C-alpha cells in the first residue's frame, strides 16, 4: 500500500496547468530558495555584480511605464548597510523564448526606478558565455546591465553548491535539495534542450548532398545551436561530476562570437563537420567533440602527451594500462616527433595484444597519443532515440566514463638522493683542509667485510706510512731488473739503504 504513496514535497509539480502556471511556480520556487539558502543566493547574484548582503525576493511586482502597468516575474534586492542592489527578473520555461520588446520595457523600468540590472532565465543557451540570446537596443544598456542564465546553469550551480561546495545549515541544504528535485522534474519545464532549429533538416540534407553554401539560410543558426548544445552538454556533465565544465574558445572568438560562427560555417561547408572542445578540470587533456554529418558519425577524442622517457613500446604500454575499461574499438593514434600527422593508428584491442603496432619507426620518439571513440550520429532535430542531441550527449558521457576519466598525465619521477657512504673508521676525519687529495669520495670503493679495500691517494708527506691496501698478487709484482736491483719504488729503497 505505502509503495503507491507520494511523498510530500516543499515545491510540488502537481497542479501545473499550462506555461503561465509553470513560469510562475518556477520563479517563486527559485527566488524563495535564493533568499532562504545563503550560500546559494550569494553564488547566484555575485556574477551579476551584487554585493554580499541579505537577499530579499518578490514576484510579480507592478510598475507603471507611461500608461502601461507591467508585472515583471520577479525582483531581487540585496542590501548591505546603506547600500542596496536591485534587479528585475524575467522567466521563461519550456520552449518559450524571451521577447525583445518586453525586455526593453523592463530595462526602461529599471532605469526609471534606479535599479541596477535585469536578469533573464530561460531554456535558451547562448553559444558564447556572457552573450544574451535576445538582441535589444544597446542604448537602453547605458545605465542598466542585462544578464542571462539558462535553467541548466541554475540547476548545475544548485547541485554544485549542495553536493560539493556545501551548505552550512542542514535545513537550508534540504531546502536547496527540494529545489533541485523540482527543477529536475520534467513537468517543471526548466530542463530542456529540445531542438536543433527549424533549418536542421534542410542543412543536414544539403551537407549529405555536398551542395551546402555559406549563404544558405539557417546555416548560422545551426552553428549557434551546436555551440549551445556543447554548453548544455558541459552543464549536464559538470552537474554529474560536481565541477565546472565549460566549452573552450579562443580569445578572439570569446571577444567576437561572429568569428566562431564563421569558423563553424566554413567547416560545415568544406567537410560537413561541426567540432568543439570541452575543458574538464584535472583531466589529462581537453575533450574534443566532432559531429560528421556526411559520415553520420560523432567522435570524441583526447590528446595525451606521451612519457618523455623509456622505449617506444614502454610508452605505449603506459597508455594501454590506463585504458582497462575502454572498449576494444577505441582508436589510438601515435604521433612521433618531427613528423607530419600520425605515424601509426590501431584499435585498442590490437594494441593490447601487440603494442609494437603503434611504433612505426623505433628510432623516432613518440610525442603524443590520440585516443578516440566514435558512435552513430542521430539525424532527428528533436530529442529521443535517433536524435542528434541525444547521440552527442550519450557519446560524451560514455567517452568520459570509459576513457577520459581513467587517464592521468605522465609526470617524471622526482630525483632520488644518493646514499652517502659512511666515513671509513680507519680514516682520520680531522684531515687538514690543505690535504684535499685525501678527502673521502663517494667514488672510493668500500666493502662491507673485514677485508674491505680503501683506496686512498697519500700525499708525499705520508710516504713513511705503511700502505693500507693489501699486497697485490705475486704475478703483478714487477720482475727484478737486469742489474739485480728492483725497479721503481723498491730501487729507491735499496738506494737509500746503501
Foldseek 3Di string as FASTA:
>chain_A
DCVPDDDDFPQDLPPDDDFVSLFLSLLVLVLVLLQVFQVLVCVVCVVVPFDRAHKDKDAQDWDDDPNDIGTQGMKIWGDDVPDIAIETEHEGFAPDDDDQVVVLSRLVRCVVVVHAEYEYEYQDFWLAPFDDPDDYDCVSPPRHYYYYDYLLRSLLSLLLDLPPVHGPDPVSSVSSVSSNVLLPDPSSRRQDDWFLDPCQQVLLVCLQVLNDDLPDPPLLSNLRSVSSLVQSLQSVVCSVVSHRKGWDDDPVCNVPVVVSSVVQSVCCNPQNKGKTWMDDPQWQFIWIWIQRSNVQKIKIKGKAWFDPDDFQLVRLVVQLVLQPQADQQKKKFWCWPPDPDTPAMDTSVVCVVPVCRNPNDRVTHTTMMMIMDMDGAARDGTDDPSHRSVRRSVNVVVCCVRPGVRDHHDDDDDDDDDDDDDDDPPDDPPDDPVPVQFDDDPPFFFDPDPLTAGDGDDDPVCVVPDDPGDDDDPVPQDDDDPVRFRDDPRNVVVVVVD
